Amino acid sequence: MDNIDASDVQGMVSHWLGTPVNGYLGSGYGTIVPDLLQQPQKTGMGDAVLNKLRIDVPLVGALPRGKLNMYAVDEAPDIKRIYIDVSGALVESKGNV
């Protein structure tokens, strides 16, 4: 059996970011990143996104708390890019929010 490395975990996070909630029949698996648009920043929605990622991708859930972070970068008045940092490697969300 092959070992799982950082690029495998990055691939899992990238897949999760590209999958809408309930994208698989009978499963709540998928990102809630678009919900960030509808919430004030102070609501802690970023923490909710990371908690859902930890639940949906058990391997990510096994990472120590300091190894998973989320960043948002405003690129224009109506474009925000979301990045998830997995053990020091950035994974960009698909599309703009």
PDB file of N, CA and C in Angstrom:
ATOM      1  N   MET A   1       0.846  -1.182   0.000  1.00  0.00           N
ATOM      2  CA  MET A   1       0.000   0.000   0.000  1.00  0.00           C
ATOM      3  C   MET A   1       0.889   1.242   0.000  1.00  0.00           C
ATOM      4  N   ASP A   2       0.541   2.214  -0.807  1.00  0.00           N
ATOM      5  CA  ASP A   2       1.311   3.452  -0.886  1.00  0.00           C
ATOM      6  C   ASP A   2       1.025   4.339   0.320  1.00  0.00           C
ATOM      7  N   ASN A   3       2.004   5.150   0.669  1.00  0.00           N
ATOM      8  CA  ASN A   3       1.822   6.124   1.735  1.00  0.00           C
ATOM      9  C   ASN A   3       1.066   7.325   1.211  1.00  0.00           C
ATOM     10  N   ILE A   4       0.325   7.965   2.104  1.00  0.00           N
ATOM     11  CA  ILE A   4      -0.388   9.191   1.757  1.00  0.00           C
ATOM     12  C   ILE A   4       0.540  10.346   2.079  1.00  0.00           C
ATOM     13  N   ASP A   5       0.725  11.243   1.121  1.00  0.00           N
ATOM     14  CA  ASP A   5       1.593  12.391   1.360  1.00  0.00           C
ATOM     15  C   ASP A   5       0.788  13.692   1.297  1.00  0.00           C
ATOM     16  N   ALA A   6       1.489  14.814   1.449  1.00  0.00           N
ATOM     17  CA  ALA A   6       0.825  16.118   1.491  1.00  0.00           C
ATOM     18  C   ALA A   6       0.046  16.413   0.220  1.00  0.00           C
ATOM     19  N   SER A   7       0.555  15.988  -0.931  1.00  0.00           N
ATOM     20  CA  SER A   7      -0.165  16.277  -2.182  1.00  0.00           C
ATOM     21  C   SER A   7      -1.492  15.513  -2.246  1.00  0.00           C
ATOM     22  N   ASP A   8      -1.548  14.347  -1.624  1.00  0.00           N
ATOM     23  CA  ASP A   8      -2.814  13.609  -1.575  1.00  0.00           C
ATOM     24  C   ASP A   8      -3.849  14.362  -0.739  1.00  0.00           C
ATOM     25  N   VAL A   9      -3.410  14.875   0.404  1.00  0.00           N
ATOM     26  CA  VAL A   9      -4.319  15.640   1.273  1.00  0.00           C
ATOM     27  C   VAL A   9      -4.758  16.916   0.566  1.00  0.00           C
ATOM     28  N   GLN A  10      -3.841  17.570  -0.132  1.00  0.00           N
ATOM     29  CA  GLN A  10      -4.202  18.768  -0.899  1.00  0.00           C
ATOM     30  C   GLN A  10      -5.238  18.427  -1.963  1.00  0.00           C
ATOM     31  N   GLY A  11      -5.085  17.295  -2.605  1.00  0.00           N
ATOM     32  CA  GLY A  11      -6.062  16.861  -3.603  1.00  0.00           C
ATOM     33  C   GLY A  11      -7.434  16.621  -3.002  1.00  0.00           C
ATOM     34  N   MET A  12      -7.448  16.054  -1.797  1.00  0.00           N
ATOM     35  CA  MET A  12      -8.726  15.821  -1.113  1.00  0.00           C
ATOM     36  C   MET A  12      -9.412  17.140  -0.779  1.00  0.00           C
ATOM     37  N   VAL A  13      -8.638  18.099  -0.292  1.00  0.00           N
ATOM     38  CA  VAL A  13      -9.198  19.414   0.046  1.00  0.00           C
ATOM     39  C   VAL A  13      -9.667  20.123  -1.219  1.00  0.00           C
ATOM     40  N   SER A  14      -8.901  20.035  -2.283  1.00  0.00           N
ATOM     41  CA  SER A  14      -9.285  20.644  -3.555  1.00  0.00           C
ATOM     42  C   SER A  14     -10.594  20.033  -4.077  1.00  0.00           C
ATOM     43  N   HIS A  15     -10.721  18.722  -3.985  1.00  0.00           N
ATOM     44  CA  HIS A  15     -11.964  18.061  -4.411  1.00  0.00           C
ATOM     45  C   HIS A  15     -13.137  18.536  -3.575  1.00  0.00           C
ATOM     46  N   TRP A  16     -12.927  18.621  -2.265  1.00  0.00           N
ATOM     47  CA  TRP A  16     -13.985  19.065  -1.365  1.00  0.00           C
ATOM     48  C   TRP A  16     -14.421  20.487  -1.712  1.00  0.00           C
ATOM     49  N   LEU A  17     -13.444  21.363  -1.984  1.00  0.00           N
ATOM     50  CA  LEU A  17     -13.771  22.754  -2.336  1.00  0.00           C
ATOM     51  C   LEU A  17     -14.554  22.848  -3.636  1.00  0.00           C
ATOM     52  N   GLY A  18     -14.381  21.907  -4.533  1.00  0.00           N
ATOM     53  CA  GLY A  18     -15.073  21.933  -5.812  1.00  0.00           C
ATOM     54  C   GLY A  18     -16.402  21.199  -5.819  1.00  0.00           C
ATOM     55  N   THR A  19     -16.794  20.654  -4.677  1.00  0.00           N
ATOM     56  CA  THR A  19     -18.029  19.875  -4.603  1.00  0.00           C
ATOM     57  C   THR A  19     -19.073  20.628  -3.790  1.00  0.00           C
ATOM     58  N   PRO A  20     -20.222  20.934  -4.373  1.00  0.00           N
ATOM     59  CA  PRO A  20     -21.264  21.604  -3.590  1.00  0.00           C
ATOM     60  C   PRO A  20     -21.861  20.655  -2.548  1.00  0.00           C
ATOM     61  N   VAL A  21     -22.384  21.232  -1.479  1.00  0.00           N
ATOM     62  CA  VAL A  21     -23.037  20.421  -0.447  1.00  0.00           C
ATOM     63  C   VAL A  21     -24.124  19.583  -1.094  1.00  0.00           C
ATOM     64  N   ASN A  22     -24.220  18.339  -0.688  1.00  0.00           N
ATOM     65  CA  ASN A  22     -25.185  17.375  -1.221  1.00  0.00           C
ATOM     66  C   ASN A  22     -24.916  17.066  -2.688  1.00  0.00           C
ATOM     67  N   GLY A  23     -23.682  17.265  -3.118  1.00  0.00           N
ATOM     68  CA  GLY A  23     -23.301  16.962  -4.498  1.00  0.00           C
ATOM     69  C   GLY A  23     -23.326  15.470  -4.790  1.00  0.00           C
ATOM     70  N   TYR A  24     -23.273  14.671  -3.742  1.00  0.00           N
ATOM     71  CA  TYR A  24     -23.389  13.220  -3.871  1.00  0.00           C
ATOM     72  C   TYR A  24     -24.697  12.803  -3.217  1.00  0.00           C
ATOM     73  N   LEU A  25     -25.488  12.052  -3.923  1.00  0.00           N
ATOM     74  CA  LEU A  25     -26.798  11.635  -3.450  1.00  0.00           C
ATOM     75  C   LEU A  25     -26.701  10.952  -2.088  1.00  0.00           C
ATOM     76  N   GLY A  26     -27.453  11.447  -1.136  1.00  0.00           N
ATOM     77  CA  GLY A  26     -27.495  10.850   0.189  1.00  0.00           C
ATOM     78  C   GLY A  26     -26.342  11.247   1.100  1.00  0.00           C
ATOM     79  N   SER A  27     -25.554  12.219   0.688  1.00  0.00           N
ATOM     80  CA  SER A  27     -24.406  12.634   1.486  1.00  0.00           C
ATOM     81  C   SER A  27     -24.379  14.155   1.606  1.00  0.00           C
ATOM     82  N   GLY A  28     -24.066  14.643   2.776  1.00  0.00           N
ATOM     83  CA  GLY A  28     -23.928  16.078   2.993  1.00  0.00           C
ATOM     84  C   GLY A  28     -22.538  16.588   2.662  1.00  0.00           C
ATOM     85  N   TYR A  29     -21.695  15.704   2.094  1.00  0.00           N
ATOM     86  CA  TYR A  29     -20.323  16.058   1.731  1.00  0.00           C
ATOM     87  C   TYR A  29     -20.312  17.244   0.793  1.00  0.00           C
ATOM     88  N   GLY A  30     -19.410  18.154   1.022  1.00  0.00           N
ATOM     89  CA  GLY A  30     -19.229  19.279   0.103  1.00  0.00           C
ATOM     90  C   GLY A  30     -19.019  20.582   0.830  1.00  0.00           C
ATOM     91  N   THR A  31     -18.532  21.551   0.089  1.00  0.00           N
ATOM     92  CA  THR A  31     -18.146  22.834   0.659  1.00  0.00           C
ATOM     93  C   THR A  31     -19.330  23.752   0.933  1.00  0.00           C
ATOM     94  N   ILE A  32     -19.180  24.538   1.973  1.00  0.00           N
ATOM     95  CA  ILE A  32     -20.168  25.571   2.279  1.00  0.00           C
ATOM     96  C   ILE A  32     -19.541  26.962   2.101  1.00  0.00           C
ATOM     97  N   VAL A  33     -18.440  27.011   1.358  1.00  0.00           N
ATOM     98  CA  VAL A  33     -17.737  28.281   1.134  1.00  0.00           C
ATOM     99  C   VAL A  33     -18.663  29.343   0.530  1.00  0.00           C
ATOM    100  N   PRO A  34     -19.523  29.024  -0.454  1.00  0.00           N
ATOM    101  CA  PRO A  34     -20.400  30.081  -0.991  1.00  0.00           C
ATOM    102  C   PRO A  34     -21.301  30.721   0.068  1.00  0.00           C
ATOM    103  N   ASP A  35     -21.574  30.004   1.169  1.00  0.00           N
ATOM    104  CA  ASP A  35     -22.388  30.572   2.234  1.00  0.00           C
ATOM    105  C   ASP A  35     -21.699  31.742   2.926  1.00  0.00           C
ATOM    106  N   LEU A  36     -20.377  31.850   2.759  1.00  0.00           N
ATOM    107  CA  LEU A  36     -19.650  32.963   3.364  1.00  0.00           C
ATOM    108  C   LEU A  36     -20.152  34.308   2.854  1.00  0.00           C
ATOM    109  N   LEU A  37     -20.642  34.326   1.618  1.00  0.00           N
ATOM    110  CA  LEU A  37     -21.119  35.580   1.028  1.00  0.00           C
ATOM    111  C   LEU A  37     -22.314  36.151   1.766  1.00  0.00           C
ATOM    112  N   GLN A  38     -23.098  35.315   2.360  1.00  0.00           N
ATOM    113  CA  GLN A  38     -24.349  35.744   2.966  1.00  0.00           C
ATOM    114  C   GLN A  38     -24.236  36.021   4.462  1.00  0.00           C
ATOM    115  N   GLN A  39     -23.019  35.959   5.006  1.00  0.00           N
ATOM    116  CA  GLN A  39     -22.835  36.114   6.442  1.00  0.00           C
ATOM    117  C   GLN A  39     -21.848  37.242   6.751  1.00  0.00           C
ATOM    118  N   PRO A  40     -22.092  37.981   7.827  1.00  0.00           N
ATOM    119  CA  PRO A  40     -21.085  38.952   8.260  1.00  0.00           C
ATOM    120  C   PRO A  40     -19.816  38.212   8.674  1.00  0.00           C
ATOM    121  N   GLN A  41     -18.658  38.854   8.515  1.00  0.00           N
ATOM    122  CA  GLN A  41     -17.395  38.195   8.817  1.00  0.00           C
ATOM    123  C   GLN A  41     -17.265  37.807  10.279  1.00  0.00           C
ATOM    124  N   LYS A  42     -17.933  38.499  11.166  1.00  0.00           N
ATOM    125  CA  LYS A  42     -17.808  38.237  12.595  1.00  0.00           C
ATOM    126  C   LYS A  42     -18.603  37.017  13.062  1.00  0.00           C
ATOM    127  N   THR A  43     -19.334  36.356  12.179  1.00  0.00           N
ATOM    128  CA  THR A  43     -20.174  35.232  12.605  1.00  0.00           C
ATOM    129  C   THR A  43     -19.389  33.951  12.841  1.00  0.00           C
ATOM    130  N   GLY A  44     -18.123  33.904  12.464  1.00  0.00           N
ATOM    131  CA  GLY A  44     -17.340  32.687  12.640  1.00  0.00           C
ATOM    132  C   GLY A  44     -17.587  31.653  11.561  1.00  0.00           C
ATOM    133  N   MET A  45     -18.079  32.101  10.421  1.00  0.00           N
ATOM    134  CA  MET A  45     -18.385  31.179   9.331  1.00  0.00           C
ATOM    135  C   MET A  45     -17.138  30.462   8.840  1.00  0.00           C
ATOM    136  N   GLY A  46     -15.988  31.118   8.895  1.00  0.00           N
ATOM    137  CA  GLY A  46     -14.739  30.463   8.491  1.00  0.00           C
ATOM    138  C   GLY A  46     -14.461  29.235   9.336  1.00  0.00           C
ATOM    139  N   ASP A  47     -14.708  29.343  10.628  1.00  0.00           N
ATOM    140  CA  ASP A  47     -14.533  28.181  11.507  1.00  0.00           C
ATOM    141  C   ASP A  47     -15.514  27.075  11.151  1.00  0.00           C
ATOM    142  N   ALA A  48     -16.735  27.454  10.782  1.00  0.00           N
ATOM    143  CA  ALA A  48     -17.733  26.457  10.391  1.00  0.00           C
ATOM    144  C   ALA A  48     -17.290  25.713   9.129  1.00  0.00           C
ATOM    145  N   VAL A  49     -16.693  26.448   8.185  1.00  0.00           N
ATOM    146  CA  VAL A  49     -16.203  25.823   6.953  1.00  0.00           C
ATOM    147  C   VAL A  49     -15.128  24.793   7.286  1.00  0.00           C
ATOM    148  N   LEU A  50     -14.165  25.184   8.117  1.00  0.00           N
ATOM    149  CA  LEU A  50     -13.077  24.267   8.468  1.00  0.00           C
ATOM    150  C   LEU A  50     -13.584  23.072   9.277  1.00  0.00           C
ATOM    151  N   ASN A  51     -14.550  23.303  10.152  1.00  0.00           N
ATOM    152  CA  ASN A  51     -15.122  22.185  10.921  1.00  0.00           C
ATOM    153  C   ASN A  51     -15.833  21.196  10.008  1.00  0.00           C
ATOM    154  N   LYS A  52     -16.563  21.711   9.011  1.00  0.00           N
ATOM    155  CA  LYS A  52     -17.239  20.815   8.065  1.00  0.00           C
ATOM    156  C   LYS A  52     -16.218  20.051   7.238  1.00  0.00           C
ATOM    157  N   LEU A  53     -15.130  20.719   6.836  1.00  0.00           N
ATOM    158  CA  LEU A  53     -14.061  20.042   6.107  1.00  0.00           C
ATOM    159  C   LEU A  53     -13.471  18.915   6.951  1.00  0.00           C
ATOM    160  N   ARG A  54     -13.251  19.175   8.230  1.00  0.00           N
ATOM    161  CA  ARG A  54     -12.708  18.132   9.120  1.00  0.00           C
ATOM    162  C   ARG A  54     -13.656  16.927   9.226  1.00  0.00           C
ATOM    163  N   ILE A  55     -14.943  17.197   9.220  1.00  0.00           N
ATOM    164  CA  ILE A  55     -15.931  16.111   9.311  1.00  0.00           C
ATOM    165  C   ILE A  55     -16.020  15.349   7.990  1.00  0.00           C
ATOM    166  N   ASP A  56     -16.076  16.077   6.886  1.00  0.00           N
ATOM    167  CA  ASP A  56     -16.254  15.460   5.567  1.00  0.00           C
ATOM    168  C   ASP A  56     -15.032  14.683   5.104  1.00  0.00           C
ATOM    169  N   VAL A  57     -13.841  15.138   5.483  1.00  0.00           N
ATOM    170  CA  VAL A  57     -12.594  14.486   5.063  1.00  0.00           C
ATOM    171  C   VAL A  57     -11.860  14.055   6.338  1.00  0.00           C
ATOM    172  N   PRO A  58     -12.106  12.834   6.802  1.00  0.00           N
ATOM    173  CA  PRO A  58     -11.544  12.384   8.083  1.00  0.00           C
ATOM    174  C   PRO A  58     -10.024  12.519   8.190  1.00  0.00           C
ATOM    175  N   LEU A  59      -9.305  12.353   7.092  1.00  0.00           N
ATOM    176  CA  LEU A  59      -7.853  12.505   7.143  1.00  0.00           C
ATOM    177  C   LEU A  59      -7.479  13.932   7.521  1.00  0.00           C
ATOM    178  N   VAL A  60      -8.216  14.906   7.019  1.00  0.00           N
ATOM    179  CA  VAL A  60      -7.988  16.303   7.392  1.00  0.00           C
ATOM    180  C   VAL A  60      -8.366  16.507   8.856  1.00  0.00           C
ATOM    181  N   GLY A  61      -9.415  15.847   9.291  1.00  0.00           N
ATOM    182  CA  GLY A  61      -9.828  15.941  10.685  1.00  0.00           C
ATOM    183  C   GLY A  61      -8.793  15.404  11.654  1.00  0.00           C
ATOM    184  N   ALA A  62      -7.919  14.532  11.176  1.00  0.00           N
ATOM    185  CA  ALA A  62      -6.879  13.962  12.031  1.00  0.00           C
ATOM    186  C   ALA A  62      -5.669  14.883  12.170  1.00  0.00           C
ATOM    187  N   LEU A  63      -5.600  15.933  11.348  1.00  0.00           N
ATOM    188  CA  LEU A  63      -4.487  16.882  11.452  1.00  0.00           C
ATOM    189  C   LEU A  63      -4.593  17.671  12.746  1.00  0.00           C
ATOM    190  N   PRO A  64      -3.453  18.034  13.342  1.00  0.00           N
ATOM    191  CA  PRO A  64      -3.498  18.902  14.523  1.00  0.00           C
ATOM    192  C   PRO A  64      -4.162  20.234  14.186  1.00  0.00           C
ATOM    193  N   ARG A  65      -4.779  20.862  15.158  1.00  0.00           N
ATOM    194  CA  ARG A  65      -5.547  22.096  14.943  1.00  0.00           C
ATOM    195  C   ARG A  65      -4.750  23.185  14.241  1.00  0.00           C
ATOM    196  N   GLY A  66      -3.495  23.360  14.516  1.00  0.00           N
ATOM    197  CA  GLY A  66      -2.715  24.426  13.911  1.00  0.00           C
ATOM    198  C   GLY A  66      -2.299  24.170  12.475  1.00  0.00           C
ATOM    199  N   LYS A  67      -2.615  23.006  11.938  1.00  0.00           N
ATOM    200  CA  LYS A  67      -2.190  22.650  10.581  1.00  0.00           C
ATOM    201  C   LYS A  67      -3.236  22.941   9.518  1.00  0.00           C
ATOM    202  N   LEU A  68      -4.383  23.476   9.903  1.00  0.00           N
ATOM    203  CA  LEU A  68      -5.460  23.772   8.955  1.00  0.00           C
ATOM    204  C   LEU A  68      -5.967  25.182   9.205  1.00  0.00           C
ATOM    205  N   ASN A  69      -5.824  26.047   8.216  1.00  0.00           N
ATOM    206  CA  ASN A  69      -6.253  27.437   8.336  1.00  0.00           C
ATOM    207  C   ASN A  69      -6.935  27.876   7.049  1.00  0.00           C
ATOM    208  N   MET A  70      -7.692  28.953   7.140  1.00  0.00           N
ATOM    209  CA  MET A  70      -8.373  29.486   5.970  1.00  0.00           C
ATOM    210  C   MET A  70      -8.071  30.976   5.857  1.00  0.00           C
ATOM    211  N   TYR A  71      -7.826  31.416   4.617  1.00  0.00           N
ATOM    212  CA  TYR A  71      -7.537  32.820   4.337  1.00  0.00           C
ATOM    213  C   TYR A  71      -8.435  33.301   3.212  1.00  0.00           C
ATOM    214  N   ALA A  72      -8.784  34.578   3.268  1.00  0.00           N
ATOM    215  CA  ALA A  72      -9.570  35.198   2.202  1.00  0.00           C
ATOM    216  C   ALA A  72      -8.811  36.423   1.710  1.00  0.00           C
ATOM    217  N   VAL A  73      -8.768  36.582   0.401  1.00  0.00           N
ATOM    218  CA  VAL A  73      -8.088  37.720  -0.214  1.00  0.00           C
ATOM    219  C   VAL A  73      -9.077  38.425  -1.137  1.00  0.00           C
ATOM    220  N   ASP A  74      -9.283  39.710  -0.902  1.00  0.00           N
ATOM    221  CA  ASP A  74     -10.129  40.509  -1.789  1.00  0.00           C
ATOM    222  C   ASP A  74      -9.304  40.928  -2.997  1.00  0.00           C
ATOM    223  N   GLU A  75      -9.805  40.624  -4.198  1.00  0.00           N
ATOM    224  CA  GLU A  75      -9.102  41.000  -5.422  1.00  0.00           C
ATOM    225  C   GLU A  75      -9.787  42.141  -6.154  1.00  0.00           C
ATOM    226  N   ALA A  76     -11.016  42.335  -5.911  1.00  0.00           N
ATOM    227  CA  ALA A  76     -11.794  43.416  -6.513  1.00  0.00           C
ATOM    228  C   ALA A  76     -12.971  43.662  -5.583  1.00  0.00           C
ATOM    229  N   PRO A  77     -13.737  44.699  -5.861  1.00  0.00           N
ATOM    230  CA  PRO A  77     -14.863  44.963  -4.963  1.00  0.00           C
ATOM    231  C   PRO A  77     -15.833  43.787  -4.818  1.00  0.00           C
ATOM    232  N   ASP A  78     -15.909  42.961  -5.838  1.00  0.00           N
ATOM    233  CA  ASP A  78     -16.870  41.866  -5.785  1.00  0.00           C
ATOM    234  C   ASP A  78     -16.227  40.483  -5.958  1.00  0.00           C
ATOM    235  N   ILE A  79     -14.911  40.377  -5.758  1.00  0.00           N
ATOM    236  CA  ILE A  79     -14.228  39.084  -5.884  1.00  0.00           C
ATOM    237  C   ILE A  79     -13.427  38.812  -4.617  1.00  0.00           C
ATOM    238  N   LYS A  80     -13.655  37.660  -4.055  1.00  0.00           N
ATOM    239  CA  LYS A  80     -12.915  37.214  -2.883  1.00  0.00           C
ATOM    240  C   LYS A  80     -12.398  35.814  -3.181  1.00  0.00           C
ATOM    241  N   ARG A  81     -11.123  35.603  -3.002  1.00  0.00           N
ATOM    242  CA  ARG A  81     -10.525  34.282  -3.191  1.00  0.00           C
ATOM    243  C   ARG A  81     -10.316  33.654  -1.823  1.00  0.00           C
ATOM    244  N   ILE A  82     -10.722  32.400  -1.710  1.00  0.00           N
ATOM    245  CA  ILE A  82     -10.596  31.657  -0.459  1.00  0.00           C
ATOM    246  C   ILE A  82      -9.478  30.636  -0.621  1.00  0.00           C
ATOM    247  N   TYR A  83      -8.598  30.583   0.353  1.00  0.00           N
ATOM    248  CA  TYR A  83      -7.501  29.622   0.361  1.00  0.00           C
ATOM    249  C   TYR A  83      -7.560  28.834   1.663  1.00  0.00           C
ATOM    250  N   ILE A  84      -7.314  27.549   1.556  1.00  0.00           N
ATOM    251  CA  ILE A  84      -7.192  26.714   2.745  1.00  0.00           C
ATOM    252  C   ILE A  84      -5.746  26.253   2.819  1.00  0.00           C
ATOM    253  N   ASP A  85      -5.141  26.520   3.945  1.00  0.00           N
ATOM    254  CA  ASP A  85      -3.748  26.167   4.202  1.00  0.00           C
ATOM    255  C   ASP A  85      -3.735  24.808   4.903  1.00  0.00           C
ATOM    256  N   VAL A  86      -3.167  23.820   4.223  1.00  0.00           N
ATOM    257  CA  VAL A  86      -3.058  22.475   4.778  1.00  0.00           C
ATOM    258  C   VAL A  86      -1.586  22.218   5.059  1.00  0.00           C
ATOM    259  N   SER A  87      -1.213  22.291   6.302  1.00  0.00           N
ATOM    260  CA  SER A  87       0.175  22.061   6.724  1.00  0.00           C
ATOM    261  C   SER A  87       1.173  22.894   5.919  1.00  0.00           C
ATOM    262  N   GLY A  88       0.835  24.153   5.677  1.00  0.00           N
ATOM    263  CA  GLY A  88       1.754  25.056   4.992  1.00  0.00           C
ATOM    264  C   GLY A  88       1.597  25.130   3.488  1.00  0.00           C
ATOM    265  N   ALA A  89       0.723  24.346   2.899  1.00  0.00           N
ATOM    266  CA  ALA A  89       0.491  24.379   1.449  1.00  0.00           C
ATOM    267  C   ALA A  89      -0.907  24.949   1.197  1.00  0.00           C
ATOM    268  N   LEU A  90      -0.982  25.963   0.332  1.00  0.00           N
ATOM    269  CA  LEU A  90      -2.264  26.606   0.047  1.00  0.00           C
ATOM    270  C   LEU A  90      -3.039  25.863  -1.037  1.00  0.00           C
ATOM    271  N   VAL A  91      -4.335  25.698  -0.790  1.00  0.00           N
ATOM    272  CA  VAL A  91      -5.250  25.131  -1.767  1.00  0.00           C
ATOM    273  C   VAL A  91      -6.300  26.204  -2.025  1.00  0.00           C
ATOM    274  N   GLU A  92      -6.447  26.618  -3.288  1.00  0.00           N
ATOM    275  CA  GLU A  92      -7.381  27.686  -3.636  1.00  0.00           C
ATOM    276  C   GLU A  92      -8.755  27.102  -3.930  1.00  0.00           C
ATOM    277  N   SER A  93      -9.795  27.824  -3.475  1.00  0.00           N
ATOM    278  CA  SER A  93     -11.151  27.394  -3.792  1.00  0.00           C
ATOM    279  C   SER A  93     -11.382  27.568  -5.286  1.00  0.00           C
ATOM    280  N   LYS A  94     -12.230  26.725  -5.838  1.00  0.00           N
ATOM    281  CA  LYS A  94     -12.546  26.801  -7.262  1.00  0.00           C
ATOM    282  C   LYS A  94     -13.593  27.873  -7.474  1.00  0.00           C
ATOM    283  N   GLY A  95     -13.324  28.752  -8.406  1.00  0.00           N
ATOM    284  CA  GLY A  95     -14.258  29.843  -8.664  1.00  0.00           C
ATOM    285  C   GLY A  95     -14.043  30.980  -7.677  1.00  0.00           C
ATOM    286  N   ASN A  96     -14.797  32.004  -7.834  1.00  0.00           N
ATOM    287  CA  ASN A  96     -14.712  33.178  -6.959  1.00  0.00           C
ATOM    288  C   ASN A  96     -15.942  33.225  -6.088  1.00  0.00           C
ATOM    289  N   VAL A  97     -15.761  33.723  -4.884  1.00  0.00           N
ATOM    290  CA  VAL A  97     -16.914  33.923  -4.016  1.00  0.00           C
ATOM    291  C   VAL A  97     -17.033  35.388  -3.715  1.00  0.00           C
TER     292      VAL A  97
END
